[in-house]
PDB file of N, CA and C in Angstrom:
ATOM      1  N   MET A   1       8.025 -19.743 -70.750  1.00  0.00           N
ATOM      2  CA  MET A   1       8.292 -18.391 -69.611  1.00  0.00           C
ATOM      3  C   MET A   1       8.687 -17.438 -70.061  1.00  0.00           C
ATOM      4  N   ARG A   2       7.566 -16.346 -69.054  1.00  0.00           N
ATOM      5  CA  ARG A   2       7.015 -15.412 -69.411  1.00  0.00           C
ATOM      6  C   ARG A   2       8.684 -14.650 -69.010  1.00  0.00           C
ATOM      7  N   LYS A   3       9.257 -13.652 -69.981  1.00  0.00           N
ATOM      8  CA  LYS A   3       9.605 -12.567 -69.812  1.00  0.00           C
ATOM      9  C   LYS A   3      10.060 -10.916 -68.062  1.00  0.00           C
ATOM     10  N   SER A   4      10.457 -11.003 -67.455  1.00  0.00           N
ATOM     11  CA  SER A   4       9.921  -9.899 -66.628  1.00  0.00           C
ATOM     12  C   SER A   4       9.966  -8.561 -67.595  1.00  0.00           C
ATOM     13  N   PHE A   5       9.361  -7.864 -67.016  1.00  0.00           N
ATOM     14  CA  PHE A   5       8.912  -6.962 -67.246  1.00  0.00           C
ATOM     15  C   PHE A   5      10.926  -5.682 -67.744  1.00  0.00           C
ATOM     16  N   TYR A   6      11.315  -5.850 -66.740  1.00  0.00           N
ATOM     17  CA  TYR A   6      12.285  -5.576 -66.990  1.00  0.00           C
ATOM     18  C   TYR A   6      13.335  -5.981 -67.865  1.00  0.00           C
ATOM     19  N   HIS A   7      12.876  -7.754 -68.010  1.00  0.00           N
ATOM     20  CA  HIS A   7      13.741  -7.443 -69.096  1.00  0.00           C
ATOM     21  C   HIS A   7      13.213  -7.881 -70.816  1.00  0.00           C
ATOM     22  N   PHE A   8      11.544  -6.992 -70.667  1.00  0.00           N
ATOM     23  CA  PHE A   8      11.315  -6.892 -71.635  1.00  0.00           C
ATOM     24  C   PHE A   8      12.117  -5.511 -71.869  1.00  0.00           C
ATOM     25  N   LEU A   9      12.003  -5.238 -71.160  1.00  0.00           N
ATOM     26  CA  LEU A   9      12.167  -3.391 -71.334  1.00  0.00           C
ATOM     27  C   LEU A   9      13.508  -3.228 -71.957  1.00  0.00           C
ATOM     28  N   MET A  10      14.435  -3.613 -71.599  1.00  0.00           N
ATOM     29  CA  MET A  10      15.696  -3.924 -72.113  1.00  0.00           C
ATOM     30  C   MET A  10      16.126  -3.124 -73.371  1.00  0.00           C
ATOM     31  N   LYS A  11      15.195  -4.096 -73.637  1.00  0.00           N
ATOM     32  CA  LYS A  11      15.927  -4.276 -75.090  1.00  0.00           C
ATOM     33  C   LYS A  11      15.243  -3.132 -76.688  1.00  0.00           C
ATOM     34  N   TYR A  12      14.181  -1.806 -75.357  1.00  0.00           N
ATOM     35  CA  TYR A  12      14.476  -0.558 -75.057  1.00  0.00           C
ATOM     36  C   TYR A  12      15.988   0.028 -75.866  1.00  0.00           C
ATOM     37  N   ARG A  13      17.147   0.644 -74.611  1.00  0.00           N
ATOM     38  CA  ARG A  13      17.782   0.105 -73.902  1.00  0.00           C
ATOM     39  C   ARG A  13      18.738   1.101 -75.518  1.00  0.00           C
ATOM     40  N   HIS A  14      19.318   2.883 -75.088  1.00  0.00           N
ATOM     41  CA  HIS A  14      19.428   2.639 -76.632  1.00  0.00           C
ATOM     42  C   HIS A  14      20.755   4.145 -76.238  1.00  0.00           C
ATOM     43  N   PRO A  15      22.035   4.632 -76.000  1.00  0.00           N
ATOM     44  CA  PRO A  15      22.568   5.045 -76.118  1.00  0.00           C
ATOM     45  C   PRO A  15      22.417   7.106 -76.846  1.00  0.00           C
ATOM     46  N   GLU A  16      21.460   6.544 -77.721  1.00  0.00           N
ATOM     47  CA  GLU A  16      21.003   8.526 -77.467  1.00  0.00           C
ATOM     48  C   GLU A  16      19.237   7.235 -77.455  1.00  0.00           C
ATOM     49  N   PRO A  17      18.576   7.725 -76.526  1.00  0.00           N
ATOM     50  CA  PRO A  17      17.303   7.652 -76.597  1.00  0.00           C
ATOM     51  C   PRO A  17      16.470   8.474 -77.346  1.00  0.00           C
ATOM     52  N   LYS A  18      15.584   7.857 -78.472  1.00  0.00           N
ATOM     53  CA  LYS A  18      14.794   8.947 -79.311  1.00  0.00           C
ATOM     54  C   LYS A  18      13.578   9.586 -79.019  1.00  0.00           C
ATOM     55  N   ASP A  19      13.040   8.759 -78.277  1.00  0.00           N
ATOM     56  CA  ASP A  19      11.876   8.242 -77.453  1.00  0.00           C
ATOM     57  C   ASP A  19      11.696   7.828 -76.115  1.00  0.00           C
ATOM     58  N   ALA A  20      10.573   8.554 -75.299  1.00  0.00           N
ATOM     59  CA  ALA A  20       9.605   8.563 -73.697  1.00  0.00           C
ATOM     60  C   ALA A  20      10.125   7.025 -73.375  1.00  0.00           C
ATOM     61  N   ILE A  21       9.696   5.856 -73.441  1.00  0.00           N
ATOM     62  CA  ILE A  21      10.292   4.024 -73.710  1.00  0.00           C
ATOM     63  C   ILE A  21      11.210   4.282 -73.986  1.00  0.00           C
ATOM     64  N   SER A  22      12.488   4.857 -74.882  1.00  0.00           N
ATOM     65  CA  SER A  22      13.794   4.329 -74.196  1.00  0.00           C
ATOM     66  C   SER A  22      14.535   4.699 -73.095  1.00  0.00           C
ATOM     67  N   ARG A  23      13.375   6.422 -72.649  1.00  0.00           N
ATOM     68  CA  ARG A  23      15.084   6.643 -72.214  1.00  0.00           C
ATOM     69  C   ARG A  23      14.163   6.397 -71.291  1.00  0.00           C
ATOM     70  N   PHE A  24      12.529   5.677 -70.212  1.00  0.00           N
ATOM     71  CA  PHE A  24      12.897   5.175 -69.392  1.00  0.00           C
ATOM     72  C   PHE A  24      13.585   3.842 -69.428  1.00  0.00           C
ATOM     73  N   ALA A  25      13.723   3.861 -70.643  1.00  0.00           N
ATOM     74  CA  ALA A  25      13.981   2.332 -70.274  1.00  0.00           C
ATOM     75  C   ALA A  25      15.847   2.569 -69.904  1.00  0.00           C
ATOM     76  N   ASN A  26      16.489   3.323 -70.224  1.00  0.00           N
ATOM     77  CA  ASN A  26      17.978   3.882 -70.261  1.00  0.00           C
ATOM     78  C   ASN A  26      17.996   3.988 -68.127  1.00  0.00           C
ATOM     79  N   GLU A  27      16.640   4.689 -68.083  1.00  0.00           N
ATOM     80  CA  GLU A  27      16.874   5.303 -66.420  1.00  0.00           C
ATOM     81  C   GLU A  27      16.482   3.993 -65.668  1.00  0.00           C
ATOM     82  N   ALA A  28      15.491   3.172 -65.834  1.00  0.00           N
ATOM     83  CA  ALA A  28      15.800   1.313 -65.869  1.00  0.00           C
ATOM     84  C   ALA A  28      16.391   0.882 -65.279  1.00  0.00           C
ATOM     85  N   PHE A  29      17.525   0.742 -66.451  1.00  0.00           N
ATOM     86  CA  PHE A  29      18.603   0.111 -65.608  1.00  0.00           C
ATOM     87  C   PHE A  29      19.605   1.052 -65.362  1.00  0.00           C
ATOM     88  N   GLU A  30      20.143   2.746 -65.186  1.00  0.00           N
ATOM     89  CA  GLU A  30      19.925   2.505 -63.969  1.00  0.00           C
ATOM     90  C   GLU A  30      20.346   2.389 -62.280  1.00  0.00           C
ATOM     91  N   ASP A  31      18.537   2.182 -62.016  1.00  0.00           N
ATOM     92  CA  ASP A  31      17.933   2.468 -61.068  1.00  0.00           C
ATOM     93  C   ASP A  31      17.709   1.127 -60.457  1.00  0.00           C
ATOM     94  N   HIS A  32      18.875   0.364 -59.257  1.00  0.00           N
ATOM     95  CA  HIS A  32      19.928  -0.828 -59.606  1.00  0.00           C
ATOM     96  C   HIS A  32      18.637  -1.248 -58.200  1.00  0.00           C
ATOM     97  N   SER A  33      17.069  -0.570 -58.035  1.00  0.00           N
ATOM     98  CA  SER A  33      16.297  -0.943 -57.085  1.00  0.00           C
ATOM     99  C   SER A  33      14.991  -1.253 -57.095  1.00  0.00           C
ATOM    100  N   PHE A  34      15.727  -0.837 -59.195  1.00  0.00           N
ATOM    101  CA  PHE A  34      14.073  -1.196 -60.265  1.00  0.00           C
ATOM    102  C   PHE A  34      13.118  -2.739 -59.732  1.00  0.00           C
ATOM    103  N   PRO A  35      12.478  -3.436 -59.445  1.00  0.00           N
ATOM    104  CA  PRO A  35      12.241  -4.216 -59.178  1.00  0.00           C
ATOM    105  C   PRO A  35      12.228  -5.888 -60.699  1.00  0.00           C
ATOM    106  N   LYS A  36      13.701  -5.806 -60.805  1.00  0.00           N
ATOM    107  CA  LYS A  36      13.691  -6.806 -62.282  1.00  0.00           C
ATOM    108  C   LYS A  36      12.494  -7.881 -62.198  1.00  0.00           C
ATOM    109  N   THR A  37      12.837  -8.914 -62.143  1.00  0.00           N
ATOM    110  CA  THR A  37      12.331  -9.929 -61.847  1.00  0.00           C
ATOM    111  C   THR A  37      10.601  -9.848 -61.972  1.00  0.00           C
ATOM    112  N   SER A  38      10.088  -8.507 -61.821  1.00  0.00           N
ATOM    113  CA  SER A  38       8.273  -9.005 -61.706  1.00  0.00           C
ATOM    114  C   SER A  38       7.554  -8.785 -62.736  1.00  0.00           C
ATOM    115  N   GLU A  39       5.952  -9.147 -62.560  1.00  0.00           N
ATOM    116  CA  GLU A  39       5.664  -9.353 -63.981  1.00  0.00           C
ATOM    117  C   GLU A  39       4.388  -9.698 -63.739  1.00  0.00           C
ATOM    118  N   ASP A  40       4.020  -8.213 -62.796  1.00  0.00           N
ATOM    119  CA  ASP A  40       2.689  -7.539 -61.942  1.00  0.00           C
ATOM    120  C   ASP A  40       3.137  -6.030 -62.192  1.00  0.00           C
ATOM    121  N   TYR A  41       1.792  -6.069 -63.098  1.00  0.00           N
ATOM    122  CA  TYR A  41       1.627  -5.005 -63.703  1.00  0.00           C
ATOM    123  C   TYR A  41       1.894  -4.078 -61.855  1.00  0.00           C
ATOM    124  N   ASN A  42       0.903  -4.090 -60.797  1.00  0.00           N
ATOM    125  CA  ASN A  42       0.323  -3.602 -59.794  1.00  0.00           C
ATOM    126  C   ASN A  42       1.622  -3.278 -58.497  1.00  0.00           C
ATOM    127  N   ASP A  43       2.810  -4.128 -59.463  1.00  0.00           N
ATOM    128  CA  ASP A  43       3.878  -3.891 -58.627  1.00  0.00           C
ATOM    129  C   ASP A  43       4.503  -3.043 -59.368  1.00  0.00           C
ATOM    130  N   LEU A  44       5.118  -3.004 -60.065  1.00  0.00           N
ATOM    131  CA  LEU A  44       6.036  -2.149 -61.054  1.00  0.00           C
ATOM    132  C   LEU A  44       5.012  -0.713 -60.552  1.00  0.00           C
ATOM    133  N   SER A  45       3.684  -0.503 -60.781  1.00  0.00           N
ATOM    134  CA  SER A  45       2.961   0.355 -61.363  1.00  0.00           C
ATOM    135  C   SER A  45       3.827   1.694 -59.748  1.00  0.00           C
ATOM    136  N   SER A  46       3.274   0.728 -58.820  1.00  0.00           N
ATOM    137  CA  SER A  46       4.222   0.966 -57.116  1.00  0.00           C
ATOM    138  C   SER A  46       5.090   1.559 -57.213  1.00  0.00           C
ATOM    139  N   TYR A  47       5.643   0.236 -57.767  1.00  0.00           N
ATOM    140  CA  TYR A  47       7.237   0.606 -57.421  1.00  0.00           C
ATOM    141  C   TYR A  47       7.730   2.167 -57.943  1.00  0.00           C
ATOM    142  N   LEU A  48       6.783   2.466 -59.513  1.00  0.00           N
ATOM    143  CA  LEU A  48       6.919   3.266 -60.264  1.00  0.00           C
ATOM    144  C   LEU A  48       6.933   4.569 -59.222  1.00  0.00           C
ATOM    145  N   GLU A  49       5.470   5.449 -59.548  1.00  0.00           N
ATOM    146  CA  GLU A  49       4.750   5.532 -58.742  1.00  0.00           C
ATOM    147  C   GLU A  49       5.682   6.506 -56.984  1.00  0.00           C
ATOM    148  N   LEU A  50       6.049   5.296 -56.744  1.00  0.00           N
ATOM    149  CA  LEU A  50       7.125   5.369 -55.407  1.00  0.00           C
ATOM    150  C   LEU A  50       8.071   5.927 -55.003  1.00  0.00           C
ATOM    151  N   ASN A  51       8.798   5.381 -56.716  1.00  0.00           N
ATOM    152  CA  ASN A  51      11.198   5.853 -56.915  1.00  0.00           C
ATOM    153  C   ASN A  51      10.435   6.230 -58.724  1.00  0.00           C
ATOM    154  N   GLY A  52       9.269   6.339 -59.319  1.00  0.00           N
ATOM    155  CA  GLY A  52      10.171   6.221 -60.564  1.00  0.00           C
ATOM    156  C   GLY A  52      10.471   8.314 -61.057  1.00  0.00           C
ATOM    157  N   HIS A  53      10.760   8.949 -60.405  1.00  0.00           N
ATOM    158  CA  HIS A  53      10.921  10.627 -60.069  1.00  0.00           C
ATOM    159  C   HIS A  53      12.301  10.355 -61.481  1.00  0.00           C
ATOM    160  N   TYR A  54      12.262   9.695 -62.881  1.00  0.00           N
ATOM    161  CA  TYR A  54      12.788  10.206 -64.088  1.00  0.00           C
ATOM    162  C   TYR A  54      12.143   9.757 -65.059  1.00  0.00           C
ATOM    163  N   LEU A  55      10.422   8.737 -64.473  1.00  0.00           N
ATOM    164  CA  LEU A  55       9.564   8.694 -65.748  1.00  0.00           C
ATOM    165  C   LEU A  55       9.261  10.259 -65.620  1.00  0.00           C
ATOM    166  N   GLU A  56       9.461  10.362 -66.981  1.00  0.00           N
ATOM    167  CA  GLU A  56       8.259  12.332 -67.662  1.00  0.00           C
ATOM    168  C   GLU A  56       6.777  11.312 -67.728  1.00  0.00           C
ATOM    169  N   SER A  57       6.127  10.529 -67.452  1.00  0.00           N
ATOM    170  CA  SER A  57       4.337  10.209 -67.231  1.00  0.00           C
ATOM    171  C   SER A  57       3.757   8.547 -67.110  1.00  0.00           C
ATOM    172  N   MET A  58       3.607   8.219 -66.027  1.00  0.00           N
ATOM    173  CA  MET A  58       2.874   7.631 -66.191  1.00  0.00           C
ATOM    174  C   MET A  58       2.507   6.839 -67.008  1.00  0.00           C
ATOM    175  N   ALA A  59       2.491   7.649 -68.074  1.00  0.00           N
ATOM    176  CA  ALA A  59       1.573   7.149 -69.793  1.00  0.00           C
ATOM    177  C   ALA A  59       2.108   6.735 -70.513  1.00  0.00           C
ATOM    178  N   VAL A  60       4.159   6.749 -70.154  1.00  0.00           N
ATOM    179  CA  VAL A  60       5.388   5.581 -70.239  1.00  0.00           C
ATOM    180  C   VAL A  60       5.239   4.633 -70.315  1.00  0.00           C
ATOM    181  N   PHE A  61       4.804   4.947 -68.706  1.00  0.00           N
ATOM    182  CA  PHE A  61       4.380   2.882 -68.700  1.00  0.00           C
ATOM    183  C   PHE A  61       4.396   2.120 -69.197  1.00  0.00           C
ATOM    184  N   ASP A  62       2.364   2.938 -68.438  1.00  0.00           N
ATOM    185  CA  ASP A  62       1.865   2.066 -69.092  1.00  0.00           C
ATOM    186  C   ASP A  62       1.784   1.259 -70.480  1.00  0.00           C
ATOM    187  N   GLU A  63       2.353   2.506 -71.700  1.00  0.00           N
ATOM    188  CA  GLU A  63       3.014   2.253 -73.057  1.00  0.00           C
ATOM    189  C   GLU A  63       3.129   1.256 -73.389  1.00  0.00           C
ATOM    190  N   ALA A  64       4.579   1.398 -72.236  1.00  0.00           N
ATOM    191  CA  ALA A  64       5.592  -0.163 -72.050  1.00  0.00           C
ATOM    192  C   ALA A  64       4.234  -1.245 -71.977  1.00  0.00           C
ATOM    193  N   TRP A  65       3.932  -1.173 -70.559  1.00  0.00           N
ATOM    194  CA  TRP A  65       3.076  -1.909 -70.339  1.00  0.00           C
ATOM    195  C   TRP A  65       2.703  -3.087 -71.554  1.00  0.00           C
ATOM    196  N   GLN A  66       1.743  -1.893 -72.099  1.00  0.00           N
ATOM    197  CA  GLN A  66       1.084  -2.879 -73.785  1.00  0.00           C
ATOM    198  C   GLN A  66       2.371  -3.634 -74.608  1.00  0.00           C
ATOM    199  N   GLU A  67       3.188  -3.122 -74.532  1.00  0.00           N
ATOM    200  CA  GLU A  67       3.611  -3.528 -75.796  1.00  0.00           C
ATOM    201  C   GLU A  67       4.498  -5.178 -74.945  1.00  0.00           C
ATOM    202  N   TYR A  68       4.644  -4.898 -73.422  1.00  0.00           N
ATOM    203  CA  TYR A  68       4.969  -6.695 -72.810  1.00  0.00           C
ATOM    204  C   TYR A  68       4.293  -7.050 -73.150  1.00  0.00           C
ATOM    205  N   LEU A  69       3.114  -6.707 -72.632  1.00  0.00           N
ATOM    206  CA  LEU A  69       1.894  -7.995 -72.670  1.00  0.00           C
ATOM    207  C   LEU A  69       1.537  -8.543 -74.520  1.00  0.00           C
ATOM    208  N   LEU A  70       1.352  -7.197 -75.074  1.00  0.00           N
ATOM    209  CA  LEU A  70       1.355  -8.263 -76.462  1.00  0.00           C
ATOM    210  C   LEU A  70       2.997  -8.719 -77.874  1.00  0.00           C
ATOM    211  N   SER A  71       4.137  -8.916 -77.086  1.00  0.00           N
ATOM    212  CA  SER A  71       5.317  -9.644 -76.501  1.00  0.00           C
ATOM    213  C   SER A  71       5.067 -11.248 -75.785  1.00  0.00           C
ATOM    214  N   GLU A  72       4.136 -10.525 -75.102  1.00  0.00           N
ATOM    215  CA  GLU A  72       4.557 -12.236 -74.512  1.00  0.00           C
ATOM    216  C   GLU A  72       2.941 -13.621 -74.465  1.00  0.00           C
ATOM    217  N   LYS A  73       2.702 -12.829 -76.024  1.00  0.00           N
ATOM    218  CA  LYS A  73       1.519 -13.778 -75.868  1.00  0.00           C
ATOM    219  C   LYS A  73       1.584 -14.587 -76.838  1.00  0.00           C
TER     220      LYS A  73
END
Protein backbone atom coordinates (compact mmCIF):
# COMPACT_ATOMS: atom_id res chain seq x y z
CA MET A 1 0.00 0.00 0.00
CA ARG A 2 1.29 3.42 -0.94
CA LYS A 3 1.95 6.06 1.65
CA SER A 4 0.19 9.36 1.20
CA PHE A 5 2.33 12.24 0.01
CA TYR A 6 1.84 13.93 3.39
CA HIS A 7 3.11 10.82 5.22
CA PHE A 8 6.16 10.79 2.94
CA LEU A 9 6.76 14.53 3.42
CA MET A 10 6.75 14.24 7.20
CA LYS A 11 10.10 12.45 7.14
CA TYR A 12 11.58 15.83 6.12
CA ARG A 13 10.25 17.69 9.18
CA HIS A 14 13.07 19.24 11.12
CA PRO A 15 13.16 21.63 14.09
CA GLU A 16 15.76 23.73 12.27
CA PRO A 17 14.99 23.29 8.57
CA LYS A 18 18.05 23.59 6.38
CA ASP A 19 16.37 23.43 2.98
CA ALA A 20 13.16 24.27 1.15
CA ILE A 21 11.66 20.77 1.43
CA SER A 22 12.17 20.75 5.21
CA ARG A 23 10.49 24.16 5.47
CA PHE A 24 7.64 22.85 3.29
CA ALA A 25 7.26 19.78 5.54
CA ASN A 26 7.16 21.92 8.69
CA GLU A 27 4.56 24.25 7.19
CA ALA A 28 2.44 21.39 5.82
CA PHE A 29 2.44 19.89 9.32
CA GLU A 30 1.02 23.16 10.68
CA ASP A 31 -1.57 23.36 7.85
CA HIS A 32 -4.55 21.56 9.36
CA SER A 33 -6.39 21.57 6.02
CA PHE A 34 -3.57 19.90 4.08
CA PRO A 35 -4.95 16.86 2.14
CA LYS A 36 -3.18 14.33 4.35
CA THR A 37 -4.49 11.20 2.62
CA SER A 38 -3.97 12.27 -1.00
CA GLU A 39 -1.67 10.43 -3.38
CA ASP A 40 -2.79 12.51 -6.36
CA TYR A 41 -0.51 15.14 -7.90
CA ASN A 42 -3.36 17.23 -9.32
CA ASP A 43 -5.29 17.34 -6.04
CA LEU A 44 -2.21 18.35 -4.10
CA SER A 45 -1.03 20.84 -6.69
CA SER A 46 -4.44 22.54 -6.83
CA TYR A 47 -4.63 22.70 -3.05
CA LEU A 48 -1.17 24.24 -2.77
CA GLU A 49 -1.79 26.77 -5.54
CA LEU A 50 -4.81 28.05 -3.60
CA ASN A 51 -3.63 27.54 -0.01
CA GLY A 52 0.11 27.03 -0.03
CA HIS A 53 1.06 30.63 0.71
CA TYR A 54 3.86 29.20 2.86
CA LEU A 55 5.46 27.42 -0.10
CA GLU A 56 8.43 29.35 -1.51
CA SER A 57 7.69 28.06 -5.00
CA MET A 58 5.69 25.28 -6.62
CA ALA A 59 9.08 23.97 -7.76
CA VAL A 60 9.63 22.87 -4.13
CA PHE A 61 6.46 20.79 -4.30
CA ASP A 62 7.49 19.36 -7.67
CA GLU A 63 10.89 18.36 -6.30
CA ALA A 64 9.30 16.73 -3.25
CA TRP A 65 6.78 14.98 -5.52
CA GLN A 66 9.60 13.47 -7.61
CA GLU A 67 11.25 12.17 -4.42
CA TYR A 68 7.88 10.74 -3.37
CA LEU A 69 7.47 8.89 -6.67
CA LEU A 70 10.98 7.45 -6.42
CA SER A 71 10.39 6.29 -2.85
CA GLU A 72 7.15 4.55 -3.80
CA LYS A 73 8.61 2.44 -6.63
